[in-house]
Amino acid sequence: MGRKSDSSSSPGGMLRISPRERQILDLIATGSGDKEVARRLGISAATVRTYLQRLYLRAGVHSRTAAVMAFLATRLHDDAVREHG
């Protein structure tokens, strides 16, 4: 059906995301809207919304705020793992 993604939930329950998803969430976390994200990444606003909808499903959330919170929790976890081995 579709291509297999390596960006599912990790065993620790943290959300694993692709580099493009990380770019989108970084911009969303700073307050950028879909159109601004699209302009900055050279994609359409519809594509941004598609990425977000897929992230919502994988993260089990229903809003931008919840998606960003899941992303930030994952980023904090990843930073801690890198720092402490």
PDB file of N, CA and C in Angstrom:
ATOM      1  N   MET A   1       0.850  -1.174   0.000  1.00  0.00           N
ATOM      2  CA  MET A   1       0.000   0.000   0.000  1.00  0.00           C
ATOM      3  C   MET A   1       0.887   1.226   0.000  1.00  0.00           C
ATOM      4  N   GLY A   2       1.335   1.747   1.152  1.00  0.00           N
ATOM      5  CA  GLY A   2       2.229   2.899   1.197  1.00  0.00           C
ATOM      6  C   GLY A   2       3.615   2.462   1.574  1.00  0.00           C
ATOM      7  N   ARG A   3       4.539   3.394   1.545  1.00  0.00           N
ATOM      8  CA  ARG A   3       5.905   3.044   1.911  1.00  0.00           C
ATOM      9  C   ARG A   3       6.023   2.896   3.412  1.00  0.00           C
ATOM     10  N   LYS A   4       6.918   2.031   3.814  1.00  0.00           N
ATOM     11  CA  LYS A   4       7.125   1.791   5.245  1.00  0.00           C
ATOM     12  C   LYS A   4       7.915   2.955   5.817  1.00  0.00           C
ATOM     13  N   SER A   5       7.462   3.479   6.916  1.00  0.00           N
ATOM     14  CA  SER A   5       8.122   4.603   7.571  1.00  0.00           C
ATOM     15  C   SER A   5       8.887   4.117   8.783  1.00  0.00           C
ATOM     16  N   ASP A   6      10.039   4.732   9.032  1.00  0.00           N
ATOM     17  CA  ASP A   6      10.807   4.385  10.218  1.00  0.00           C
ATOM     18  C   ASP A   6      10.442   5.291  11.377  1.00  0.00           C
ATOM     19  N   SER A   7       9.350   6.021  11.245  1.00  0.00           N
ATOM     20  CA  SER A   7       9.018   7.022  12.249  1.00  0.00           C
ATOM     21  C   SER A   7       7.738   6.673  12.994  1.00  0.00           C
ATOM     22  N   SER A   8       7.756   5.543  13.668  1.00  0.00           N
ATOM     23  CA  SER A   8       6.625   5.129  14.486  1.00  0.00           C
ATOM     24  C   SER A   8       6.963   5.395  15.943  1.00  0.00           C
ATOM     25  N   SER A   9       6.218   4.794  16.824  1.00  0.00           N
ATOM     26  CA  SER A   9       6.552   4.925  18.239  1.00  0.00           C
ATOM     27  C   SER A   9       7.708   3.996  18.558  1.00  0.00           C
ATOM     28  N   SER A  10       8.609   4.462  19.366  1.00  0.00           N
ATOM     29  CA  SER A  10       9.737   3.642  19.786  1.00  0.00           C
ATOM     30  C   SER A  10       9.309   2.766  20.953  1.00  0.00           C
ATOM     31  N   PRO A  11      10.128   1.766  21.315  1.00  0.00           N
ATOM     32  CA  PRO A  11       9.748   0.872  22.417  1.00  0.00           C
ATOM     33  C   PRO A  11       9.455   1.599  23.726  1.00  0.00           C
ATOM     34  N   GLY A  12      10.124   2.710  23.983  1.00  0.00           N
ATOM     35  CA  GLY A  12       9.888   3.452  25.210  1.00  0.00           C
ATOM     36  C   GLY A  12       8.651   4.321  25.161  1.00  0.00           C
ATOM     37  N   GLY A  13       7.872   4.229  24.078  1.00  0.00           N
ATOM     38  CA  GLY A  13       6.662   5.013  23.952  1.00  0.00           C
ATOM     39  C   GLY A  13       6.898   6.413  23.408  1.00  0.00           C
ATOM     40  N   MET A  14       8.147   6.726  23.088  1.00  0.00           N
ATOM     41  CA  MET A  14       8.454   8.048  22.552  1.00  0.00           C
ATOM     42  C   MET A  14       8.162   8.051  21.056  1.00  0.00           C
ATOM     43  N   LEU A  15       7.753   9.174  20.536  1.00  0.00           N
ATOM     44  CA  LEU A  15       7.428   9.321  19.130  1.00  0.00           C
ATOM     45  C   LEU A  15       8.706   9.472  18.320  1.00  0.00           C
ATOM     46  N   ARG A  16       8.930   8.584  17.372  1.00  0.00           N
ATOM     47  CA  ARG A  16      10.063   8.710  16.458  1.00  0.00           C
ATOM     48  C   ARG A  16       9.565   9.405  15.209  1.00  0.00           C
ATOM     49  N   ILE A  17      10.304  10.405  14.760  1.00  0.00           N
ATOM     50  CA  ILE A  17       9.851  11.184  13.613  1.00  0.00           C
ATOM     51  C   ILE A  17      10.959  11.307  12.580  1.00  0.00           C
ATOM     52  N   SER A  18      10.535  11.550  11.345  1.00  0.00           N
ATOM     53  CA  SER A  18      11.478  11.727  10.248  1.00  0.00           C
ATOM     54  C   SER A  18      12.091  13.128  10.317  1.00  0.00           C
ATOM     55  N   PRO A  19      13.179  13.339   9.586  1.00  0.00           N
ATOM     56  CA  PRO A  19      13.773  14.683   9.554  1.00  0.00           C
ATOM     57  C   PRO A  19      12.775  15.753   9.085  1.00  0.00           C
ATOM     58  N   ARG A  20      11.933  15.444   8.090  1.00  0.00           N
ATOM     59  CA  ARG A  20      10.955  16.419   7.591  1.00  0.00           C
ATOM     60  C   ARG A  20       9.902  16.707   8.655  1.00  0.00           C
ATOM     61  N   GLU A  21       9.444  15.671   9.345  1.00  0.00           N
ATOM     62  CA  GLU A  21       8.477  15.872  10.419  1.00  0.00           C
ATOM     63  C   GLU A  21       9.091  16.736  11.520  1.00  0.00           C
ATOM     64  N   ARG A  22      10.365  16.518  11.807  1.00  0.00           N
ATOM     65  CA  ARG A  22      11.056  17.331  12.814  1.00  0.00           C
ATOM     66  C   ARG A  22      11.095  18.800  12.376  1.00  0.00           C
ATOM     67  N   GLN A  23      11.383  19.044  11.101  1.00  0.00           N
ATOM     68  CA  GLN A  23      11.398  20.424  10.598  1.00  0.00           C
ATOM     69  C   GLN A  23      10.030  21.076  10.779  1.00  0.00           C
ATOM     70  N   ILE A  24       8.994  20.353  10.420  1.00  0.00           N
ATOM     71  CA  ILE A  24       7.641  20.890  10.531  1.00  0.00           C
ATOM     72  C   ILE A  24       7.297  21.171  11.991  1.00  0.00           C
ATOM     73  N   LEU A  25       7.565  20.223  12.867  1.00  0.00           N
ATOM     74  CA  LEU A  25       7.236  20.422  14.276  1.00  0.00           C
ATOM     75  C   LEU A  25       8.084  21.518  14.922  1.00  0.00           C
ATOM     76  N   ASP A  26       9.334  21.643  14.512  1.00  0.00           N
ATOM     77  CA  ASP A  26      10.158  22.750  15.014  1.00  0.00           C
ATOM     78  C   ASP A  26       9.510  24.095  14.683  1.00  0.00           C
ATOM     79  N   LEU A  27       9.041  24.236  13.454  1.00  0.00           N
ATOM     80  CA  LEU A  27       8.411  25.491  13.036  1.00  0.00           C
ATOM     81  C   LEU A  27       7.056  25.697  13.711  1.00  0.00           C
ATOM     82  N   ILE A  28       6.272  24.637  13.822  1.00  0.00           N
ATOM     83  CA  ILE A  28       4.976  24.727  14.505  1.00  0.00           C
ATOM     84  C   ILE A  28       5.189  25.128  15.963  1.00  0.00           C
ATOM     85  N   ALA A  29       6.230  24.559  16.591  1.00  0.00           N
ATOM     86  CA  ALA A  29       6.509  24.845  18.009  1.00  0.00           C
ATOM     87  C   ALA A  29       6.877  26.308  18.232  1.00  0.00           C
ATOM     88  N   THR A  30       7.384  26.973  17.200  1.00  0.00           N
ATOM     89  CA  THR A  30       7.733  28.393  17.327  1.00  0.00           C
ATOM     90  C   THR A  30       6.564  29.301  16.956  1.00  0.00           C
ATOM     91  N   GLY A  31       5.404  28.696  16.642  1.00  0.00           N
ATOM     92  CA  GLY A  31       4.222  29.488  16.368  1.00  0.00           C
ATOM     93  C   GLY A  31       3.896  29.702  14.903  1.00  0.00           C
ATOM     94  N   SER A  32       4.650  29.085  14.010  1.00  0.00           N
ATOM     95  CA  SER A  32       4.373  29.238  12.577  1.00  0.00           C
ATOM     96  C   SER A  32       3.097  28.495  12.210  1.00  0.00           C
ATOM     97  N   GLY A  33       2.324  29.096  11.335  1.00  0.00           N
ATOM     98  CA  GLY A  33       1.129  28.453  10.810  1.00  0.00           C
ATOM     99  C   GLY A  33       1.470  27.590   9.605  1.00  0.00           C
ATOM    100  N   ASP A  34       0.483  26.872   9.108  1.00  0.00           N
ATOM    101  CA  ASP A  34       0.700  25.967   7.979  1.00  0.00           C
ATOM    102  C   ASP A  34       1.298  26.671   6.773  1.00  0.00           C
ATOM    103  N   LYS A  35       0.780  27.847   6.444  1.00  0.00           N
ATOM    104  CA  LYS A  35       1.268  28.565   5.258  1.00  0.00           C
ATOM    105  C   LYS A  35       2.718  28.996   5.422  1.00  0.00           C
ATOM    106  N   GLU A  36       3.078  29.441   6.612  1.00  0.00           N
ATOM    107  CA  GLU A  36       4.462  29.855   6.872  1.00  0.00           C
ATOM    108  C   GLU A  36       5.405  28.657   6.834  1.00  0.00           C
ATOM    109  N   VAL A  37       4.990  27.549   7.437  1.00  0.00           N
ATOM    110  CA  VAL A  37       5.796  26.325   7.400  1.00  0.00           C
ATOM    111  C   VAL A  37       6.001  25.904   5.945  1.00  0.00           C
ATOM    112  N   ALA A  38       4.914  25.893   5.192  1.00  0.00           N
ATOM    113  CA  ALA A  38       4.982  25.499   3.779  1.00  0.00           C
ATOM    114  C   ALA A  38       5.946  26.398   3.004  1.00  0.00           C
ATOM    115  N   ARG A  39       5.841  27.696   3.205  1.00  0.00           N
ATOM    116  CA  ARG A  39       6.711  28.638   2.489  1.00  0.00           C
ATOM    117  C   ARG A  39       8.172  28.390   2.841  1.00  0.00           C
ATOM    118  N   ARG A  40       8.445  28.211   4.113  1.00  0.00           N
ATOM    119  CA  ARG A  40       9.830  28.038   4.554  1.00  0.00           C
ATOM    120  C   ARG A  40      10.439  26.713   4.105  1.00  0.00           C
ATOM    121  N   LEU A  41       9.606  25.689   3.951  1.00  0.00           N
ATOM    122  CA  LEU A  41      10.115  24.375   3.555  1.00  0.00           C
ATOM    123  C   LEU A  41       9.938  24.082   2.070  1.00  0.00           C
ATOM    124  N   GLY A  42       9.284  24.978   1.350  1.00  0.00           N
ATOM    125  CA  GLY A  42       9.101  24.785  -0.083  1.00  0.00           C
ATOM    126  C   GLY A  42       8.122  23.673  -0.427  1.00  0.00           C
ATOM    127  N   ILE A  43       7.100  23.511   0.425  1.00  0.00           N
ATOM    128  CA  ILE A  43       6.052  22.528   0.176  1.00  0.00           C
ATOM    129  C   ILE A  43       4.705  23.242   0.271  1.00  0.00           C
ATOM    130  N   SER A  44       3.625  22.551  -0.054  1.00  0.00           N
ATOM    131  CA  SER A  44       2.308  23.184   0.021  1.00  0.00           C
ATOM    132  C   SER A  44       1.755  23.118   1.443  1.00  0.00           C
ATOM    133  N   ALA A  45       0.827  24.020   1.735  1.00  0.00           N
ATOM    134  CA  ALA A  45       0.165  24.013   3.037  1.00  0.00           C
ATOM    135  C   ALA A  45      -0.616  22.714   3.227  1.00  0.00           C
ATOM    136  N   ALA A  46      -1.152  22.174   2.137  1.00  0.00           N
ATOM    137  CA  ALA A  46      -1.869  20.896   2.219  1.00  0.00           C
ATOM    138  C   ALA A  46      -0.919  19.774   2.634  1.00  0.00           C
ATOM    139  N   THR A  47       0.309  19.817   2.152  1.00  0.00           N
ATOM    140  CA  THR A  47       1.298  18.811   2.533  1.00  0.00           C
ATOM    141  C   THR A  47       1.647  18.945   4.008  1.00  0.00           C
ATOM    142  N   VAL A  48       1.765  20.157   4.498  1.00  0.00           N
ATOM    143  CA  VAL A  48       2.014  20.379   5.927  1.00  0.00           C
ATOM    144  C   VAL A  48       0.881  19.766   6.734  1.00  0.00           C
ATOM    145  N   ARG A  49      -0.355  20.033   6.339  1.00  0.00           N
ATOM    146  CA  ARG A  49      -1.503  19.487   7.060  1.00  0.00           C
ATOM    147  C   ARG A  49      -1.507  17.954   7.019  1.00  0.00           C
ATOM    148  N   THR A  50      -1.113  17.363   5.895  1.00  0.00           N
ATOM    149  CA  THR A  50      -1.035  15.903   5.783  1.00  0.00           C
ATOM    150  C   THR A  50      -0.007  15.343   6.760  1.00  0.00           C
ATOM    151  N   TYR A  51       1.173  15.962   6.816  1.00  0.00           N
ATOM    152  CA  TYR A  51       2.186  15.535   7.784  1.00  0.00           C
ATOM    153  C   TYR A  51       1.635  15.611   9.203  1.00  0.00           C
ATOM    154  N   LEU A  52       0.979  16.717   9.520  1.00  0.00           N
ATOM    155  CA  LEU A  52       0.446  16.893  10.871  1.00  0.00           C
ATOM    156  C   LEU A  52      -0.621  15.857  11.195  1.00  0.00           C
ATOM    157  N   GLN A  53      -1.525  15.594  10.255  1.00  0.00           N
ATOM    158  CA  GLN A  53      -2.574  14.599  10.496  1.00  0.00           C
ATOM    159  C   GLN A  53      -1.973  13.223  10.761  1.00  0.00           C
ATOM    160  N   ARG A  54      -0.948  12.859  10.002  1.00  0.00           N
ATOM    161  CA  ARG A  54      -0.294  11.567  10.217  1.00  0.00           C
ATOM    162  C   ARG A  54       0.400  11.525  11.573  1.00  0.00           C
ATOM    163  N   LEU A  55       1.017  12.633  11.952  1.00  0.00           N
ATOM    164  CA  LEU A  55       1.643  12.705  13.277  1.00  0.00           C
ATOM    165  C   LEU A  55       0.606  12.582  14.381  1.00  0.00           C
ATOM    166  N   TYR A  56      -0.542  13.239  14.209  1.00  0.00           N
ATOM    167  CA  TYR A  56      -1.623  13.146  15.204  1.00  0.00           C
ATOM    168  C   TYR A  56      -2.015  11.686  15.413  1.00  0.00           C
ATOM    169  N   LEU A  57      -2.204  10.958  14.309  1.00  0.00           N
ATOM    170  CA  LEU A  57      -2.612   9.558  14.395  1.00  0.00           C
ATOM    171  C   LEU A  57      -1.565   8.723  15.121  1.00  0.00           C
ATOM    172  N   ARG A  58      -0.304   8.868  14.745  1.00  0.00           N
ATOM    173  CA  ARG A  58       0.761   8.066  15.357  1.00  0.00           C
ATOM    174  C   ARG A  58       0.964   8.415  16.824  1.00  0.00           C
ATOM    175  N   ALA A  59       0.828   9.698  17.154  1.00  0.00           N
ATOM    176  CA  ALA A  59       1.050  10.132  18.534  1.00  0.00           C
ATOM    177  C   ALA A  59      -0.206   9.953  19.392  1.00  0.00           C
ATOM    178  N   GLY A  60      -1.347   9.692  18.747  1.00  0.00           N
ATOM    179  CA  GLY A  60      -2.592   9.531  19.487  1.00  0.00           C
ATOM    180  C   GLY A  60      -3.093  10.848  20.064  1.00  0.00           C
ATOM    181  N   VAL A  61      -2.890  11.941  19.319  1.00  0.00           N
ATOM    182  CA  VAL A  61      -3.318  13.264  19.775  1.00  0.00           C
ATOM    183  C   VAL A  61      -4.307  13.855  18.784  1.00  0.00           C
ATOM    184  N   HIS A  62      -4.933  14.978  19.185  1.00  0.00           N
ATOM    185  CA  HIS A  62      -5.964  15.574  18.342  1.00  0.00           C
ATOM    186  C   HIS A  62      -5.750  17.059  18.087  1.00  0.00           C
ATOM    187  N   SER A  63      -4.587  17.573  18.471  1.00  0.00           N
ATOM    188  CA  SER A  63      -4.354  19.008  18.263  1.00  0.00           C
ATOM    189  C   SER A  63      -2.882  19.288  18.005  1.00  0.00           C
ATOM    190  N   ARG A  64      -2.630  20.469  17.442  1.00  0.00           N
ATOM    191  CA  ARG A  64      -1.254  20.918  17.203  1.00  0.00           C
ATOM    192  C   ARG A  64      -0.490  21.000  18.511  1.00  0.00           C
ATOM    193  N   THR A  65      -1.148  21.536  19.531  1.00  0.00           N
ATOM    194  CA  THR A  65      -0.492  21.708  20.825  1.00  0.00           C
ATOM    195  C   THR A  65      -0.057  20.360  21.389  1.00  0.00           C
ATOM    196  N   ALA A  66      -0.940  19.376  21.338  1.00  0.00           N
ATOM    197  CA  ALA A  66      -0.603  18.045  21.856  1.00  0.00           C
ATOM    198  C   ALA A  66       0.510  17.402  21.025  1.00  0.00           C
ATOM    199  N   ALA A  67       0.489  17.605  19.709  1.00  0.00           N
ATOM    200  CA  ALA A  67       1.551  17.056  18.851  1.00  0.00           C
ATOM    201  C   ALA A  67       2.892  17.687  19.199  1.00  0.00           C
ATOM    202  N   VAL A  68       2.904  18.993  19.405  1.00  0.00           N
ATOM    203  CA  VAL A  68       4.143  19.682  19.770  1.00  0.00           C
ATOM    204  C   VAL A  68       4.627  19.201  21.134  1.00  0.00           C
ATOM    205  N   MET A  69       3.710  19.015  22.073  1.00  0.00           N
ATOM    206  CA  MET A  69       4.103  18.525  23.401  1.00  0.00           C
ATOM    207  C   MET A  69       4.725  17.133  23.310  1.00  0.00           C
ATOM    208  N   ALA A  70       4.154  16.248  22.492  1.00  0.00           N
ATOM    209  CA  ALA A  70       4.711  14.905  22.308  1.00  0.00           C
ATOM    210  C   ALA A  70       6.097  15.000  21.674  1.00  0.00           C
ATOM    211  N   PHE A  71       6.238  15.890  20.704  1.00  0.00           N
ATOM    212  CA  PHE A  71       7.519  16.098  20.040  1.00  0.00           C
ATOM    213  C   PHE A  71       8.564  16.622  21.026  1.00  0.00           C
ATOM    214  N   LEU A  72       8.189  17.607  21.831  1.00  0.00           N
ATOM    215  CA  LEU A  72       9.139  18.174  22.798  1.00  0.00           C
ATOM    216  C   LEU A  72       9.540  17.140  23.847  1.00  0.00           C
ATOM    217  N   ALA A  73       8.590  16.315  24.285  1.00  0.00           N
ATOM    218  CA  ALA A  73       8.917  15.261  25.244  1.00  0.00           C
ATOM    219  C   ALA A  73       9.911  14.277  24.631  1.00  0.00           C
ATOM    220  N   THR A  74       9.699  13.951  23.368  1.00  0.00           N
ATOM    221  CA  THR A  74      10.606  13.052  22.661  1.00  0.00           C
ATOM    222  C   THR A  74      11.982  13.677  22.525  1.00  0.00           C
ATOM    223  N   ARG A  75      12.013  14.945  22.184  1.00  0.00           N
ATOM    224  CA  ARG A  75      13.289  15.645  22.009  1.00  0.00           C
ATOM    225  C   ARG A  75      14.047  15.711  23.333  1.00  0.00           C
ATOM    226  N   LEU A  76      13.349  15.985  24.426  1.00  0.00           N
ATOM    227  CA  LEU A  76      13.996  16.001  25.745  1.00  0.00           C
ATOM    228  C   LEU A  76      14.547  14.620  26.094  1.00  0.00           C
ATOM    229  N   HIS A  77      13.756  13.592  25.815  1.00  0.00           N
ATOM    230  CA  HIS A  77      14.196  12.215  26.070  1.00  0.00           C
ATOM    231  C   HIS A  77      15.441  11.896  25.252  1.00  0.00           C
ATOM    232  N   ASP A  78      15.422  12.221  23.964  1.00  0.00           N
ATOM    233  CA  ASP A  78      16.561  11.955  23.082  1.00  0.00           C
ATOM    234  C   ASP A  78      17.806  12.694  23.551  1.00  0.00           C
ATOM    235  N   ASP A  79      17.640  13.937  23.965  1.00  0.00           N
ATOM    236  CA  ASP A  79      18.770  14.726  24.468  1.00  0.00           C
ATOM    237  C   ASP A  79      19.354  14.090  25.738  1.00  0.00           C
ATOM    238  N   ALA A  80      18.496  13.628  26.621  1.00  0.00           N
ATOM    239  CA  ALA A  80      18.955  13.003  27.865  1.00  0.00           C
ATOM    240  C   ALA A  80      19.698  11.704  27.580  1.00  0.00           C
ATOM    241  N   VAL A  81      19.199  10.918  26.633  1.00  0.00           N
ATOM    242  CA  VAL A  81      19.848   9.659  26.273  1.00  0.00           C
ATOM    243  C   VAL A  81      21.231   9.940  25.702  1.00  0.00           C
ATOM    244  N   ARG A  82      21.327  10.935  24.815  1.00  0.00           N
ATOM    245  CA  ARG A  82      22.631  11.285  24.226  1.00  0.00           C
ATOM    246  C   ARG A  82      23.601  11.764  25.288  1.00  0.00           C
ATOM    247  N   GLU A  83      23.095  12.540  26.226  1.00  0.00           N
ATOM    248  CA  GLU A  83      23.952  13.124  27.265  1.00  0.00           C
ATOM    249  C   GLU A  83      24.454  12.071  28.243  1.00  0.00           C
ATOM    250  N   HIS A  84      23.604  11.104  28.583  1.00  0.00           N
ATOM    251  CA  HIS A  84      23.950  10.138  29.610  1.00  0.00           C
ATOM    252  C   HIS A  84      24.262   8.744  29.061  1.00  0.00           C
ATOM    253  N   GLY A  85      24.271   8.650  27.739  1.00  0.00           N
ATOM    254  CA  GLY A  85      24.642   7.368  27.126  1.00  0.00           C
ATOM    255  C   GLY A  85      23.555   6.410  27.186  1.00  0.00           C
TER     256      GLY A  85
END
